[in-house]
Amino acid sequence: MVIYNNPQLNGEDLYWHSDCVRNRNADPNDDYTKEDYNAYLKAFIKLSTKYTSVVVSERWNLFIKASGITGSSTENVTLAAELFDDDNQNSVVPVILNNHWIAFKPVFKNIRKAVIYLFGGRDTEGIEIRWIKMLMWNAIIPIVFLLFIWIHLVTKKNWYPWIAGSFVLSKLIIIILTEPTGWWMYLLTYYLIGNVVFIFGLWKIYSKKYYNSHIESSQR
């Protein structure tokens, strides 16, 4: 009933801001049982198999959002940039600031804030610049590159790297099927791996050309 009464909430909001998973204000003894949870899972799987097209559409749209290609992914850039603002009302801030770590506070607070805003696709006032965000926080390009390398390994029959890559990409399927909301962090692994492999590939191509040109010049 909680889900029916709150259709606007995604999985994350249902967990943190509703009693869908458990009633946090109730007596722990009145919480759901293991049998209740197993029954819930069975019903969830049954509904998913019955309305497959709905599940696929919802999962795909959420994946596209989380990938950042539309510029609508969710990240903590604004929270990080405004951490040391005097008027910061975030309830997490006192917990962080009260740790009193050594060399914790920035020397150039405004520069720090502007740089983090830039990485997050925002101007110095925190206003979103969509094209920068789409370019900076875009996991689709690295993922496509990883898929290209995976197919290339098959054509070259290079089986050991292909098997390792298959394990990596299989996790992507699990993420797409289970991510509760459009947080970009769910695809951070593929963003990093894809870019590292891409840079390594460029370095390898450059090194090969440099080596060949060096050999040719030495033989003249």
N, C-alpha and C. Protein backbone atom coordinates (compact mmCIF):
# COMPACT_ATOMS: atom_id res chain seq x y z
N MET A 1 0.82 -1.21 0.00
CA MET A 1 0.00 0.00 0.00
C MET A 1 0.86 1.27 0.00
N VAL A 2 2.03 1.17 0.64
CA VAL A 2 2.92 2.34 0.69
C VAL A 2 3.33 2.73 -0.72
N ILE A 3 3.66 1.73 -1.55
CA ILE A 3 4.07 2.01 -2.93
C ILE A 3 2.92 2.58 -3.74
N TYR A 4 1.73 2.02 -3.58
CA TYR A 4 0.55 2.52 -4.30
C TYR A 4 0.23 3.96 -3.91
N ASN A 5 0.40 4.28 -2.64
CA ASN A 5 0.07 5.61 -2.15
C ASN A 5 1.16 6.65 -2.44
N ASN A 6 2.35 6.19 -2.84
CA ASN A 6 3.47 7.11 -3.12
C ASN A 6 4.12 6.76 -4.46
N PRO A 7 3.39 6.84 -5.57
CA PRO A 7 3.94 6.44 -6.87
C PRO A 7 5.10 7.32 -7.34
N GLN A 8 5.24 8.51 -6.76
CA GLN A 8 6.30 9.42 -7.18
C GLN A 8 7.65 9.07 -6.56
N LEU A 9 7.68 8.18 -5.58
CA LEU A 9 8.92 7.85 -4.88
C LEU A 9 9.66 6.72 -5.59
N ASN A 10 11.01 6.86 -5.69
CA ASN A 10 11.80 5.76 -6.24
C ASN A 10 12.23 4.82 -5.10
N GLY A 11 13.05 3.82 -5.44
CA GLY A 11 13.44 2.83 -4.45
C GLY A 11 14.18 3.42 -3.27
N GLU A 12 15.06 4.38 -3.53
CA GLU A 12 15.83 5.01 -2.45
C GLU A 12 14.91 5.78 -1.51
N ASP A 13 13.99 6.56 -2.07
CA ASP A 13 13.08 7.35 -1.23
C ASP A 13 12.14 6.45 -0.43
N LEU A 14 11.71 5.36 -1.05
CA LEU A 14 10.83 4.44 -0.34
C LEU A 14 11.54 3.82 0.87
N TYR A 15 12.85 3.57 0.69
CA TYR A 15 13.61 2.97 1.79
C TYR A 15 13.83 3.95 2.93
N TRP A 16 14.25 5.17 2.58
CA TRP A 16 14.67 6.12 3.61
C TRP A 16 13.54 6.97 4.16
N HIS A 17 12.51 7.22 3.37
CA HIS A 17 11.49 8.19 3.76
C HIS A 17 10.09 7.60 3.84
N SER A 18 9.99 6.31 3.96
CA SER A 18 8.67 5.70 4.12
C SER A 18 8.80 4.45 4.98
N ASP A 19 7.66 3.83 5.24
CA ASP A 19 7.64 2.59 6.01
C ASP A 19 7.51 1.38 5.10
N CYS A 20 7.95 1.53 3.85
CA CYS A 20 7.80 0.44 2.89
C CYS A 20 8.64 -0.76 3.31
N VAL A 21 9.88 -0.52 3.71
CA VAL A 21 10.77 -1.61 4.09
C VAL A 21 10.51 -2.04 5.53
N ARG A 22 10.43 -1.06 6.42
CA ARG A 22 10.11 -1.36 7.82
C ARG A 22 9.63 -0.09 8.50
N ASN A 23 8.82 -0.24 9.49
CA ASN A 23 8.29 0.89 10.24
C ASN A 23 9.28 1.27 11.33
N ARG A 24 10.02 2.36 11.11
CA ARG A 24 11.07 2.73 12.05
C ARG A 24 10.53 3.29 13.36
N ASN A 25 9.27 3.64 13.37
CA ASN A 25 8.68 4.19 14.60
C ASN A 25 7.95 3.13 15.42
N ALA A 26 7.88 1.93 14.88
CA ALA A 26 7.14 0.88 15.58
C ALA A 26 8.04 0.09 16.52
N ASP A 27 7.43 -0.69 17.33
CA ASP A 27 8.15 -1.59 18.22
C ASP A 27 8.91 -2.60 17.36
N PRO A 28 10.21 -2.86 17.64
CA PRO A 28 10.97 -3.83 16.83
C PRO A 28 10.30 -5.19 16.76
N ASN A 29 9.56 -5.54 17.81
CA ASN A 29 8.88 -6.83 17.80
C ASN A 29 7.72 -6.87 16.82
N ASP A 30 7.26 -5.68 16.41
CA ASP A 30 6.16 -5.61 15.45
C ASP A 30 6.64 -5.52 14.01
N ASP A 31 7.98 -5.58 13.82
CA ASP A 31 8.55 -5.46 12.49
C ASP A 31 8.24 -6.73 11.68
N TYR A 32 8.51 -6.69 10.37
CA TYR A 32 8.20 -7.83 9.54
C TYR A 32 9.11 -9.01 9.88
N THR A 33 8.63 -10.21 9.64
CA THR A 33 9.37 -11.43 9.93
C THR A 33 10.13 -11.89 8.69
N LYS A 34 10.95 -12.89 8.87
CA LYS A 34 11.69 -13.48 7.75
C LYS A 34 10.73 -14.07 6.74
N GLU A 35 9.65 -14.66 7.22
CA GLU A 35 8.64 -15.23 6.33
C GLU A 35 7.95 -14.13 5.52
N ASP A 36 7.70 -12.97 6.17
CA ASP A 36 7.10 -11.84 5.45
C ASP A 36 8.02 -11.38 4.32
N TYR A 37 9.31 -11.32 4.61
CA TYR A 37 10.28 -10.85 3.62
C TYR A 37 10.37 -11.83 2.45
N ASN A 38 10.37 -13.14 2.75
CA ASN A 38 10.42 -14.14 1.69
C ASN A 38 9.18 -14.08 0.82
N ALA A 39 8.03 -13.84 1.45
CA ALA A 39 6.79 -13.70 0.68
C ALA A 39 6.84 -12.46 -0.21
N TYR A 40 7.44 -11.40 0.31
CA TYR A 40 7.59 -10.17 -0.47
C TYR A 40 8.47 -10.42 -1.70
N LEU A 41 9.59 -11.14 -1.52
CA LEU A 41 10.48 -11.42 -2.65
C LEU A 41 9.78 -12.27 -3.71
N LYS A 42 9.02 -13.26 -3.28
CA LYS A 42 8.30 -14.10 -4.23
C LYS A 42 7.29 -13.28 -5.03
N ALA A 43 6.58 -12.40 -4.34
CA ALA A 43 5.60 -11.55 -5.02
C ALA A 43 6.29 -10.59 -5.99
N PHE A 44 7.44 -10.07 -5.57
CA PHE A 44 8.20 -9.14 -6.41
C PHE A 44 8.66 -9.83 -7.70
N ILE A 45 9.21 -11.04 -7.56
CA ILE A 45 9.68 -11.78 -8.73
C ILE A 45 8.51 -12.14 -9.64
N LYS A 46 7.39 -12.53 -9.05
CA LYS A 46 6.21 -12.90 -9.84
C LYS A 46 5.69 -11.72 -10.65
N LEU A 47 5.64 -10.55 -10.02
CA LEU A 47 5.18 -9.35 -10.72
C LEU A 47 6.16 -8.95 -11.82
N SER A 48 7.46 -9.09 -11.54
CA SER A 48 8.49 -8.72 -12.52
C SER A 48 8.42 -9.59 -13.76
N THR A 49 8.18 -10.89 -13.58
CA THR A 49 8.08 -11.79 -14.73
C THR A 49 6.77 -11.59 -15.49
N LYS A 50 5.75 -11.16 -14.78
CA LYS A 50 4.45 -10.94 -15.43
C LYS A 50 4.45 -9.66 -16.24
N TYR A 51 5.10 -8.62 -15.72
CA TYR A 51 5.13 -7.31 -16.40
C TYR A 51 6.57 -6.99 -16.80
N THR A 52 7.14 -7.87 -17.62
CA THR A 52 8.56 -7.75 -18.01
C THR A 52 8.84 -6.45 -18.73
N SER A 53 7.97 -6.05 -19.64
CA SER A 53 8.20 -4.83 -20.42
C SER A 53 8.25 -3.59 -19.53
N VAL A 54 7.43 -3.57 -18.49
CA VAL A 54 7.43 -2.44 -17.55
C VAL A 54 8.75 -2.40 -16.79
N VAL A 55 9.21 -3.57 -16.35
CA VAL A 55 10.46 -3.65 -15.59
C VAL A 55 11.64 -3.23 -16.46
N VAL A 56 11.69 -3.73 -17.70
CA VAL A 56 12.80 -3.41 -18.60
C VAL A 56 12.83 -1.91 -18.89
N SER A 57 11.66 -1.33 -19.15
CA SER A 57 11.58 0.10 -19.44
C SER A 57 12.05 0.94 -18.25
N GLU A 58 11.58 0.58 -17.06
CA GLU A 58 11.95 1.33 -15.84
C GLU A 58 13.43 1.20 -15.56
N ARG A 59 13.98 -0.02 -15.70
CA ARG A 59 15.41 -0.26 -15.44
C ARG A 59 16.28 0.48 -16.44
N TRP A 60 15.88 0.46 -17.71
CA TRP A 60 16.67 1.11 -18.75
C TRP A 60 16.69 2.63 -18.55
N ASN A 61 15.54 3.20 -18.27
CA ASN A 61 15.46 4.65 -18.06
C ASN A 61 16.30 5.08 -16.86
N LEU A 62 16.29 4.28 -15.81
CA LEU A 62 17.08 4.60 -14.63
C LEU A 62 18.57 4.47 -14.92
N PHE A 63 18.95 3.47 -15.71
CA PHE A 63 20.35 3.30 -16.11
C PHE A 63 20.83 4.50 -16.92
N ILE A 64 20.00 4.95 -17.87
CA ILE A 64 20.37 6.10 -18.69
C ILE A 64 20.56 7.34 -17.82
N LYS A 65 19.67 7.52 -16.84
CA LYS A 65 19.80 8.67 -15.94
C LYS A 65 21.09 8.57 -15.13
N ALA A 66 21.35 7.39 -14.57
CA ALA A 66 22.54 7.21 -13.73
C ALA A 66 23.83 7.32 -14.54
N SER A 67 23.77 7.02 -15.82
CA SER A 67 24.97 7.07 -16.65
C SER A 67 25.49 8.49 -16.84
N GLY A 68 24.60 9.47 -16.69
CA GLY A 68 25.00 10.86 -16.84
C GLY A 68 24.92 11.40 -18.25
N ILE A 69 24.54 10.58 -19.21
CA ILE A 69 24.52 11.02 -20.60
C ILE A 69 23.48 12.10 -20.85
N THR A 70 22.44 12.14 -20.02
CA THR A 70 21.40 13.15 -20.16
C THR A 70 21.67 14.38 -19.29
N GLY A 71 22.71 14.30 -18.46
CA GLY A 71 23.01 15.40 -17.56
C GLY A 71 22.12 15.44 -16.34
N SER A 72 21.37 14.36 -16.09
CA SER A 72 20.44 14.35 -14.97
C SER A 72 20.83 13.37 -13.88
N SER A 73 22.08 12.89 -13.91
CA SER A 73 22.52 11.95 -12.88
C SER A 73 22.59 12.65 -11.53
N THR A 74 22.56 11.87 -10.47
CA THR A 74 22.60 12.40 -9.12
C THR A 74 23.98 12.21 -8.53
N GLU A 75 24.61 13.31 -8.08
CA GLU A 75 25.93 13.23 -7.44
C GLU A 75 25.98 14.24 -6.29
N ASN A 76 27.05 14.15 -5.50
CA ASN A 76 27.17 14.97 -4.30
C ASN A 76 28.08 16.18 -4.49
N VAL A 77 28.22 16.66 -5.72
CA VAL A 77 29.15 17.76 -5.98
C VAL A 77 28.75 19.02 -5.22
N THR A 78 27.48 19.37 -5.27
CA THR A 78 27.03 20.58 -4.58
C THR A 78 27.25 20.47 -3.08
N LEU A 79 26.94 19.32 -2.50
CA LEU A 79 27.14 19.11 -1.06
C LEU A 79 28.61 19.23 -0.69
N ALA A 80 29.49 18.68 -1.53
CA ALA A 80 30.92 18.74 -1.25
C ALA A 80 31.44 20.16 -1.38
N ALA A 81 30.99 20.87 -2.41
CA ALA A 81 31.47 22.24 -2.65
C ALA A 81 31.06 23.19 -1.53
N GLU A 82 29.87 23.00 -0.99
CA GLU A 82 29.32 23.91 0.02
C GLU A 82 29.57 23.43 1.45
N LEU A 83 30.45 22.45 1.60
CA LEU A 83 30.69 21.85 2.92
C LEU A 83 31.11 22.87 3.96
N PHE A 84 31.97 23.82 3.58
CA PHE A 84 32.52 24.76 4.55
C PHE A 84 31.82 26.12 4.55
N ASP A 85 30.68 26.21 3.87
CA ASP A 85 29.91 27.46 3.90
C ASP A 85 29.34 27.70 5.31
N ASP A 86 29.39 28.95 5.74
CA ASP A 86 28.92 29.28 7.09
C ASP A 86 27.43 29.04 7.26
N ASP A 87 26.67 29.18 6.16
CA ASP A 87 25.22 29.03 6.25
C ASP A 87 24.73 27.66 5.79
N ASN A 88 25.64 26.68 5.77
CA ASN A 88 25.28 25.33 5.34
C ASN A 88 24.32 24.69 6.35
N GLN A 89 23.15 24.26 5.88
CA GLN A 89 22.11 23.70 6.75
C GLN A 89 22.05 22.18 6.69
N ASN A 90 22.98 21.57 5.97
CA ASN A 90 22.95 20.11 5.84
C ASN A 90 23.24 19.47 7.20
N SER A 91 22.40 18.51 7.60
CA SER A 91 22.53 17.88 8.91
C SER A 91 23.78 17.03 9.04
N VAL A 92 24.39 16.65 7.93
CA VAL A 92 25.59 15.82 7.97
C VAL A 92 26.83 16.66 8.27
N VAL A 93 26.79 17.94 7.95
CA VAL A 93 27.97 18.81 8.09
C VAL A 93 28.55 18.83 9.50
N PRO A 94 27.74 19.03 10.56
CA PRO A 94 28.32 19.04 11.91
C PRO A 94 29.04 17.74 12.25
N VAL A 95 28.53 16.62 11.76
CA VAL A 95 29.16 15.33 12.03
C VAL A 95 30.57 15.30 11.44
N ILE A 96 30.71 15.87 10.25
CA ILE A 96 32.01 15.88 9.57
C ILE A 96 32.96 16.89 10.22
N LEU A 97 32.47 18.10 10.45
CA LEU A 97 33.32 19.16 10.96
C LEU A 97 33.77 18.91 12.40
N ASN A 98 32.97 18.22 13.18
CA ASN A 98 33.30 17.98 14.58
C ASN A 98 34.34 16.90 14.80
N ASN A 99 34.81 16.29 13.72
CA ASN A 99 35.87 15.28 13.87
C ASN A 99 37.23 15.91 14.16
N HIS A 100 37.38 17.19 13.78
CA HIS A 100 38.61 17.95 14.06
C HIS A 100 39.86 17.24 13.52
N TRP A 101 39.79 16.82 12.27
CA TRP A 101 40.95 16.20 11.65
C TRP A 101 42.05 17.23 11.41
N ILE A 102 43.30 16.77 11.34
CA ILE A 102 44.44 17.65 11.10
C ILE A 102 44.41 18.16 9.65
N ALA A 103 44.70 19.44 9.46
CA ALA A 103 44.74 20.05 8.12
C ALA A 103 43.45 19.77 7.36
N PHE A 104 42.34 19.94 8.03
CA PHE A 104 41.05 19.58 7.46
C PHE A 104 40.43 20.72 6.65
N LYS A 105 40.49 21.93 7.18
CA LYS A 105 39.84 23.05 6.51
C LYS A 105 40.71 23.59 5.38
N PRO A 106 40.09 23.96 4.24
CA PRO A 106 40.85 24.45 3.09
C PRO A 106 41.45 25.83 3.35
N VAL A 107 42.61 26.08 2.76
CA VAL A 107 43.27 27.39 2.88
C VAL A 107 42.55 28.41 2.00
N PHE A 108 42.24 28.02 0.77
CA PHE A 108 41.54 28.90 -0.17
C PHE A 108 40.13 28.33 -0.40
N LYS A 109 39.23 28.69 0.49
CA LYS A 109 37.89 28.10 0.48
C LYS A 109 37.13 28.40 -0.80
N ASN A 110 37.19 29.62 -1.29
CA ASN A 110 36.44 30.00 -2.49
C ASN A 110 36.97 29.32 -3.74
N ILE A 111 38.32 29.19 -3.81
CA ILE A 111 38.91 28.50 -4.97
C ILE A 111 38.51 27.03 -4.96
N ARG A 112 38.56 26.42 -3.77
CA ARG A 112 38.15 25.02 -3.64
C ARG A 112 36.71 24.85 -4.12
N LYS A 113 35.84 25.74 -3.70
CA LYS A 113 34.43 25.66 -4.05
C LYS A 113 34.23 25.80 -5.55
N ALA A 114 34.93 26.75 -6.17
CA ALA A 114 34.80 26.99 -7.61
C ALA A 114 35.29 25.79 -8.42
N VAL A 115 36.39 25.18 -7.99
CA VAL A 115 36.95 24.03 -8.72
C VAL A 115 36.00 22.84 -8.63
N ILE A 116 35.44 22.58 -7.45
CA ILE A 116 34.50 21.46 -7.31
C ILE A 116 33.25 21.72 -8.12
N TYR A 117 32.78 22.96 -8.12
CA TYR A 117 31.62 23.31 -8.96
C TYR A 117 31.93 23.03 -10.43
N LEU A 118 33.14 23.38 -10.87
CA LEU A 118 33.53 23.17 -12.27
C LEU A 118 33.50 21.69 -12.61
N PHE A 119 34.06 20.85 -11.72
CA PHE A 119 34.04 19.41 -11.95
C PHE A 119 32.61 18.87 -11.98
N GLY A 120 31.72 19.53 -11.26
CA GLY A 120 30.33 19.10 -11.23
C GLY A 120 29.48 19.70 -12.32
N GLY A 121 30.09 20.45 -13.23
CA GLY A 121 29.32 21.06 -14.31
C GLY A 121 28.50 22.25 -13.86
N ARG A 122 29.10 23.07 -12.98
CA ARG A 122 28.40 24.26 -12.48
C ARG A 122 29.33 25.47 -12.55
N ASP A 123 28.71 26.66 -12.60
CA ASP A 123 29.53 27.87 -12.59
C ASP A 123 29.88 28.23 -11.15
N THR A 124 30.54 29.36 -10.95
CA THR A 124 31.00 29.74 -9.61
C THR A 124 29.87 30.02 -8.64
N GLU A 125 28.65 30.23 -9.17
CA GLU A 125 27.48 30.46 -8.32
C GLU A 125 26.70 29.17 -8.04
N GLY A 126 27.20 28.06 -8.61
CA GLY A 126 26.51 26.79 -8.39
C GLY A 126 25.40 26.49 -9.38
N ILE A 127 25.27 27.36 -10.41
CA ILE A 127 24.24 27.13 -11.43
C ILE A 127 24.72 26.05 -12.39
N GLU A 128 23.86 25.08 -12.66
CA GLU A 128 24.25 23.94 -13.49
C GLU A 128 24.49 24.34 -14.94
N ILE A 129 25.60 23.84 -15.50
CA ILE A 129 25.92 23.99 -16.93
C ILE A 129 25.80 22.59 -17.52
N ARG A 130 24.68 22.32 -18.16
CA ARG A 130 24.31 20.96 -18.54
C ARG A 130 25.36 20.27 -19.42
N TRP A 131 25.92 20.97 -20.42
CA TRP A 131 26.83 20.30 -21.35
C TRP A 131 28.12 19.88 -20.67
N ILE A 132 28.60 20.69 -19.70
CA ILE A 132 29.80 20.31 -18.96
C ILE A 132 29.52 19.08 -18.10
N LYS A 133 28.37 19.07 -17.46
CA LYS A 133 28.00 17.93 -16.63
C LYS A 133 27.86 16.67 -17.47
N MET A 134 27.26 16.80 -18.65
CA MET A 134 27.10 15.64 -19.53
C MET A 134 28.45 15.10 -19.99
N LEU A 135 29.43 15.99 -20.15
CA LEU A 135 30.76 15.56 -20.59
C LEU A 135 31.58 14.99 -19.45
N MET A 136 31.50 15.64 -18.28
CA MET A 136 32.31 15.24 -17.14
C MET A 136 31.79 13.98 -16.46
N TRP A 137 30.46 13.90 -16.32
CA TRP A 137 29.85 12.79 -15.61
C TRP A 137 29.11 11.89 -16.60
N ASN A 138 29.86 11.27 -17.49
CA ASN A 138 29.26 10.44 -18.53
C ASN A 138 29.93 9.07 -18.53
N ALA A 139 29.20 8.06 -18.07
CA ALA A 139 29.76 6.71 -18.00
C ALA A 139 29.47 5.90 -19.26
N ILE A 140 28.64 6.42 -20.16
CA ILE A 140 28.27 5.68 -21.36
C ILE A 140 29.48 5.48 -22.27
N ILE A 141 30.27 6.53 -22.47
CA ILE A 141 31.43 6.43 -23.37
C ILE A 141 32.41 5.37 -22.90
N PRO A 142 32.83 5.36 -21.62
CA PRO A 142 33.73 4.29 -21.16
C PRO A 142 33.10 2.90 -21.27
N ILE A 143 31.78 2.79 -21.00
CA ILE A 143 31.12 1.50 -21.10
C ILE A 143 31.10 0.99 -22.54
N VAL A 144 30.79 1.88 -23.49
CA VAL A 144 30.80 1.51 -24.90
C VAL A 144 32.20 1.07 -25.33
N PHE A 145 33.21 1.76 -24.83
CA PHE A 145 34.59 1.40 -25.16
C PHE A 145 34.93 0.01 -24.61
N LEU A 146 34.49 -0.28 -23.38
CA LEU A 146 34.73 -1.60 -22.79
C LEU A 146 34.04 -2.69 -23.60
N LEU A 147 32.82 -2.42 -24.07
CA LEU A 147 32.11 -3.39 -24.91
C LEU A 147 32.85 -3.60 -26.23
N PHE A 148 33.39 -2.53 -26.80
CA PHE A 148 34.16 -2.64 -28.03
C PHE A 148 35.40 -3.52 -27.82
N ILE A 149 36.12 -3.29 -26.73
CA ILE A 149 37.30 -4.10 -26.42
C ILE A 149 36.91 -5.55 -26.20
N TRP A 150 35.79 -5.77 -25.52
CA TRP A 150 35.32 -7.13 -25.24
C TRP A 150 35.04 -7.89 -26.54
N ILE A 151 34.38 -7.23 -27.50
CA ILE A 151 34.11 -7.84 -28.80
C ILE A 151 35.41 -8.05 -29.58
N HIS A 152 36.30 -7.09 -29.49
CA HIS A 152 37.59 -7.18 -30.19
C HIS A 152 38.39 -8.39 -29.69
N LEU A 153 38.34 -8.65 -28.39
CA LEU A 153 39.05 -9.80 -27.83
C LEU A 153 38.49 -11.11 -28.36
N VAL A 154 37.18 -11.14 -28.61
CA VAL A 154 36.57 -12.35 -29.18
C VAL A 154 37.08 -12.58 -30.59
N THR A 155 37.11 -11.53 -31.39
CA THR A 155 37.56 -11.67 -32.79
C THR A 155 39.02 -12.09 -32.86
N LYS A 156 39.81 -11.67 -31.87
CA LYS A 156 41.22 -12.04 -31.84
C LYS A 156 41.47 -13.35 -31.10
N LYS A 157 40.39 -13.94 -30.56
CA LYS A 157 40.46 -15.19 -29.79
C LYS A 157 41.45 -15.09 -28.63
N ASN A 158 41.43 -13.92 -28.02
CA ASN A 158 42.28 -13.69 -26.85
C ASN A 158 41.44 -13.99 -25.61
N TRP A 159 41.37 -15.27 -25.25
CA TRP A 159 40.35 -15.75 -24.35
C TRP A 159 40.53 -15.33 -22.89
N TYR A 160 41.75 -15.29 -22.39
CA TYR A 160 41.94 -14.97 -20.97
C TYR A 160 41.49 -13.55 -20.62
N PRO A 161 41.94 -12.54 -21.36
CA PRO A 161 41.39 -11.18 -21.10
C PRO A 161 39.90 -11.09 -21.35
N TRP A 162 39.40 -11.87 -22.34
CA TRP A 162 37.98 -11.86 -22.64
C TRP A 162 37.16 -12.40 -21.47
N ILE A 163 37.64 -13.48 -20.84
CA ILE A 163 36.94 -14.05 -19.69
C ILE A 163 36.92 -13.05 -18.53
N ALA A 164 38.08 -12.41 -18.29
CA ALA A 164 38.15 -11.40 -17.22
C ALA A 164 37.19 -10.26 -17.51
N GLY A 165 37.16 -9.81 -18.76
CA GLY A 165 36.25 -8.73 -19.14
C GLY A 165 34.79 -9.15 -19.03
N SER A 166 34.51 -10.43 -19.28
CA SER A 166 33.14 -10.92 -19.17
C SER A 166 32.65 -10.83 -17.73
N PHE A 167 33.52 -11.15 -16.77
CA PHE A 167 33.15 -11.04 -15.36
C PHE A 167 32.85 -9.58 -15.00
N VAL A 168 33.68 -8.68 -15.51
CA VAL A 168 33.49 -7.25 -15.23
C VAL A 168 32.16 -6.77 -15.81
N LEU A 169 31.88 -7.11 -17.04
CA LEU A 169 30.66 -6.64 -17.70
C LEU A 169 29.41 -7.33 -17.16
N SER A 170 29.56 -8.55 -16.66
CA SER A 170 28.40 -9.24 -16.10
C SER A 170 27.89 -8.51 -14.86
N LYS A 171 28.79 -7.87 -14.13
CA LYS A 171 28.38 -7.10 -12.96
C LYS A 171 27.53 -5.90 -13.38
N LEU A 172 27.81 -5.37 -14.57
CA LEU A 172 27.04 -4.23 -15.07
C LEU A 172 25.57 -4.60 -15.21
N ILE A 173 25.31 -5.82 -15.67
CA ILE A 173 23.92 -6.29 -15.80
C ILE A 173 23.24 -6.32 -14.44
N ILE A 174 23.97 -6.79 -13.43
CA ILE A 174 23.42 -6.85 -12.07
C ILE A 174 23.10 -5.45 -11.56
N ILE A 175 24.00 -4.50 -11.84
CA ILE A 175 23.78 -3.11 -11.41
C ILE A 175 22.54 -2.53 -12.07
N ILE A 176 22.39 -2.76 -13.37
CA ILE A 176 21.23 -2.24 -14.09
C ILE A 176 19.93 -2.81 -13.52
N LEU A 177 19.96 -4.07 -13.12
CA LEU A 177 18.76 -4.72 -12.61
C LEU A 177 18.43 -4.34 -11.17
N THR A 178 19.42 -3.83 -10.43
CA THR A 178 19.19 -3.64 -8.99
C THR A 178 19.37 -2.21 -8.49
N GLU A 179 19.95 -1.29 -9.27
CA GLU A 179 20.18 0.06 -8.74
C GLU A 179 18.85 0.71 -8.37
N PRO A 180 18.75 1.25 -7.15
CA PRO A 180 17.47 1.78 -6.68
C PRO A 180 17.13 3.16 -7.18
N THR A 181 18.14 3.93 -7.59
CA THR A 181 17.89 5.30 -8.04
C THR A 181 19.02 5.74 -8.96
N GLY A 182 18.96 6.98 -9.45
CA GLY A 182 19.88 7.42 -10.49
C GLY A 182 21.20 7.99 -9.99
N TRP A 183 21.75 7.42 -8.92
CA TRP A 183 23.05 7.89 -8.44
C TRP A 183 24.15 7.45 -9.41
N TRP A 184 25.00 8.40 -9.78
CA TRP A 184 26.08 8.13 -10.72
C TRP A 184 27.10 7.16 -10.16
N MET A 185 27.20 7.08 -8.84
CA MET A 185 28.23 6.25 -8.19
C MET A 185 28.08 4.77 -8.54
N TYR A 186 26.89 4.33 -8.91
CA TYR A 186 26.71 2.92 -9.24
C TYR A 186 27.52 2.51 -10.47
N LEU A 187 27.82 3.48 -11.34
CA LEU A 187 28.58 3.19 -12.56
C LEU A 187 30.00 3.74 -12.50
N LEU A 188 30.42 4.17 -11.32
CA LEU A 188 31.76 4.75 -11.16
C LEU A 188 32.85 3.76 -11.56
N THR A 189 32.68 2.47 -11.20
CA THR A 189 33.67 1.45 -11.54
C THR A 189 33.93 1.40 -13.03
N TYR A 190 32.85 1.43 -13.82
CA TYR A 190 32.99 1.33 -15.27
C TYR A 190 33.52 2.63 -15.87
N TYR A 191 33.20 3.73 -15.25
CA TYR A 191 33.75 5.01 -15.67
C TYR A 191 35.27 5.00 -15.53
N LEU A 192 35.75 4.51 -14.39
CA LEU A 192 37.20 4.48 -14.13
C LEU A 192 37.89 3.43 -14.99
N ILE A 193 37.36 2.21 -15.02
CA ILE A 193 38.00 1.14 -15.79
C ILE A 193 38.02 1.48 -17.28
N GLY A 194 36.91 1.97 -17.80
CA GLY A 194 36.84 2.31 -19.21
C GLY A 194 37.83 3.38 -19.61
N ASN A 195 37.95 4.41 -18.79
CA ASN A 195 38.90 5.48 -19.10
C ASN A 195 40.35 5.03 -18.95
N VAL A 196 40.62 4.19 -17.95
CA VAL A 196 41.99 3.67 -17.78
C VAL A 196 42.38 2.81 -18.98
N VAL A 197 41.46 1.92 -19.40
CA VAL A 197 41.74 1.07 -20.56
C VAL A 197 41.91 1.91 -21.82
N PHE A 198 41.10 2.95 -21.95
CA PHE A 198 41.21 3.83 -23.13
C PHE A 198 42.56 4.54 -23.16
N ILE A 199 42.98 5.08 -22.03
CA ILE A 199 44.27 5.76 -21.95
C ILE A 199 45.41 4.78 -22.20
N PHE A 200 45.28 3.57 -21.63
CA PHE A 200 46.30 2.54 -21.86
C PHE A 200 46.38 2.18 -23.34
N GLY A 201 45.20 2.09 -24.01
CA GLY A 201 45.18 1.78 -25.43
C GLY A 201 45.88 2.85 -26.26
N LEU A 202 45.62 4.12 -25.93
CA LEU A 202 46.31 5.21 -26.64
C LEU A 202 47.81 5.16 -26.41
N TRP A 203 48.19 4.89 -25.18
CA TRP A 203 49.63 4.79 -24.86
C TRP A 203 50.27 3.64 -25.62
N LYS A 204 49.57 2.52 -25.72
CA LYS A 204 50.10 1.35 -26.41
C LYS A 204 50.27 1.63 -27.90
N ILE A 205 49.27 2.29 -28.51
CA ILE A 205 49.36 2.63 -29.93
C ILE A 205 50.51 3.60 -30.17
N TYR A 206 50.62 4.62 -29.32
CA TYR A 206 51.70 5.59 -29.46
C TYR A 206 53.06 4.93 -29.29
N SER A 207 53.17 4.06 -28.29
CA SER A 207 54.44 3.38 -28.02
C SER A 207 54.85 2.51 -29.20
N LYS A 208 53.87 1.83 -29.81
CA LYS A 208 54.16 0.96 -30.95
C LYS A 208 54.64 1.78 -32.13
N LYS A 209 53.97 2.91 -32.41
CA LYS A 209 54.39 3.76 -33.52
C LYS A 209 55.76 4.36 -33.25
N TYR A 210 55.99 4.77 -32.01
CA TYR A 210 57.28 5.36 -31.65
C TYR A 210 58.39 4.32 -31.80
N TYR A 211 58.13 3.10 -31.36
CA TYR A 211 59.13 2.03 -31.45
C TYR A 211 59.44 1.71 -32.90
N ASN A 212 58.42 1.61 -33.75
CA ASN A 212 58.62 1.29 -35.15
C ASN A 212 59.40 2.39 -35.87
N SER A 213 59.03 3.65 -35.57
CA SER A 213 59.74 4.76 -36.21
C SER A 213 61.19 4.82 -35.73
N HIS A 214 61.43 4.48 -34.48
CA HIS A 214 62.80 4.47 -33.95
C HIS A 214 63.63 3.37 -34.61
N ILE A 215 63.02 2.20 -34.82
CA ILE A 215 63.72 1.09 -35.49
C ILE A 215 64.05 1.45 -36.93
N GLU A 216 63.07 2.06 -37.62
CA GLU A 216 63.29 2.44 -39.02
C GLU A 216 64.40 3.46 -39.14
N SER A 217 64.43 4.43 -38.24
CA SER A 217 65.47 5.47 -38.31
C SER A 217 66.84 4.90 -37.99
N SER A 218 66.91 3.90 -37.13
CA SER A 218 68.20 3.32 -36.76
C SER A 218 68.75 2.41 -37.85
N GLN A 219 67.85 1.92 -38.74
CA GLN A 219 68.29 1.05 -39.82
C GLN A 219 68.73 1.81 -41.06
N ARG A 220 68.49 3.11 -41.07
CA ARG A 220 68.88 3.90 -42.24
C ARG A 220 70.39 4.18 -42.22
